[in-house]
């Protein structure tokens, strides 16, 4: 599903992300590229790239909506280590 979802309002953006989580749970690999930590926090695995190099790998595990704030902090911490 190539394309941009950044221009969507928050409700539509959440619906797209929920759909991606659903198809991933059905066995489809999803690669999502974002600069938004709250979007990245919904992923199971975070790969951080800087200057064309892989500099961090964070296993976030399955997404649980109630853990979004804690997951967002984990993503932000991983990004801050490599800025």
Protein backbone atom coordinates (compact mmCIF):
# COMPACT_ATOMS: atom_id res chain seq x y z
CA UNK A 1 0.00 0.00 0.00
CA UNK A 2 2.45 2.66 -1.12
CA UNK A 3 1.52 6.25 -0.59
CA UNK A 4 1.17 8.90 2.04
CA UNK A 5 -1.27 8.98 4.92
CA UNK A 6 0.19 12.11 6.51
CA UNK A 7 -2.49 14.39 5.07
CA UNK A 8 -5.29 12.45 6.78
CA UNK A 9 -7.11 13.75 9.83
CA UNK A 10 -6.41 11.86 13.06
CA UNK A 11 -9.53 9.67 12.80
CA UNK A 12 -8.78 8.59 9.25
CA UNK A 13 -5.11 8.11 10.08
CA UNK A 14 -6.03 5.82 12.99
CA UNK A 15 -8.34 3.85 10.68
CA UNK A 16 -5.52 3.33 8.16
CA UNK A 17 -3.12 2.26 10.91
CA UNK A 18 -5.72 -0.13 12.34
CA UNK A 19 -6.15 -1.65 8.88
CA UNK A 20 -2.38 -2.10 8.55
CA UNK A 21 -2.27 -3.81 11.96
CA UNK A 22 -5.11 -6.10 10.89
CA UNK A 23 -3.49 -7.20 7.63
CA UNK A 24 -0.20 -7.69 9.47
CA UNK A 25 -1.96 -9.94 12.00
CA UNK A 26 -3.20 -11.97 9.03
CA UNK A 27 0.39 -12.63 7.97
CA UNK A 28 1.08 -9.79 5.53
CA UNK A 29 4.41 -8.02 6.01
CA UNK A 30 3.98 -4.27 6.44
CA UNK A 31 6.81 -1.75 6.08
CA UNK A 32 5.86 1.66 7.39
CA UNK A 33 8.18 4.65 7.12
CA UNK A 34 7.35 7.60 9.37
CA UNK A 35 8.79 10.50 11.31
CA UNK A 36 5.88 10.38 13.78
CA UNK A 37 6.76 8.55 17.03
CA UNK A 38 3.06 7.87 17.80
CA UNK A 39 2.70 6.12 14.44
CA UNK A 40 5.96 4.20 14.90
CA UNK A 41 4.81 3.13 18.38
CA UNK A 42 2.10 0.98 16.80
CA UNK A 43 4.70 -1.22 15.11
CA UNK A 44 6.01 -4.48 16.55
CA UNK A 45 9.56 -3.66 15.55
CA UNK A 46 11.33 -0.33 15.10
CA UNK A 47 14.38 0.10 12.91
CA UNK A 48 16.13 3.47 13.23
CA UNK A 49 18.16 4.72 10.29
CA UNK A 50 20.58 7.64 10.39
CA UNK A 51 22.85 8.74 7.55
CA UNK A 52 21.87 5.65 5.58
CA UNK A 53 22.94 3.27 8.35
CA UNK A 54 20.89 1.04 10.63
CA UNK A 55 21.68 2.37 14.09
CA UNK A 56 18.99 0.87 16.34
CA UNK A 57 16.55 -2.01 16.51
CA UNK A 58 13.79 -1.97 19.13
CA UNK A 59 11.40 -4.91 19.60
CA UNK A 60 8.15 -3.34 20.81
CA UNK A 61 6.09 -6.54 20.67
CA UNK A 62 2.43 -6.74 19.70
CA UNK A 63 0.53 -3.45 19.81
CA UNK A 64 -1.77 -2.90 22.77
CA UNK A 65 -3.70 0.40 22.52
CA UNK A 66 -3.57 1.05 26.28
CA UNK A 67 0.24 1.07 26.04
CA UNK A 68 0.49 3.71 23.30
CA UNK A 69 1.96 6.44 25.54
CA UNK A 70 4.64 4.13 26.99
CA UNK A 71 5.47 2.78 23.54
CA UNK A 72 5.71 6.32 22.15
CA UNK A 73 8.21 7.17 24.92
CA UNK A 74 10.26 4.07 24.01
CA UNK A 75 10.30 5.14 20.35
CA UNK A 76 11.24 8.72 21.27
CA UNK A 77 14.04 7.48 23.55
CA UNK A 78 15.44 5.29 20.74
CA UNK A 79 15.33 8.20 18.31
CA UNK A 80 16.92 10.61 20.80
CA UNK A 81 19.89 8.28 21.25
CA UNK A 82 20.72 8.63 17.58
CA UNK A 83 20.21 12.32 16.88
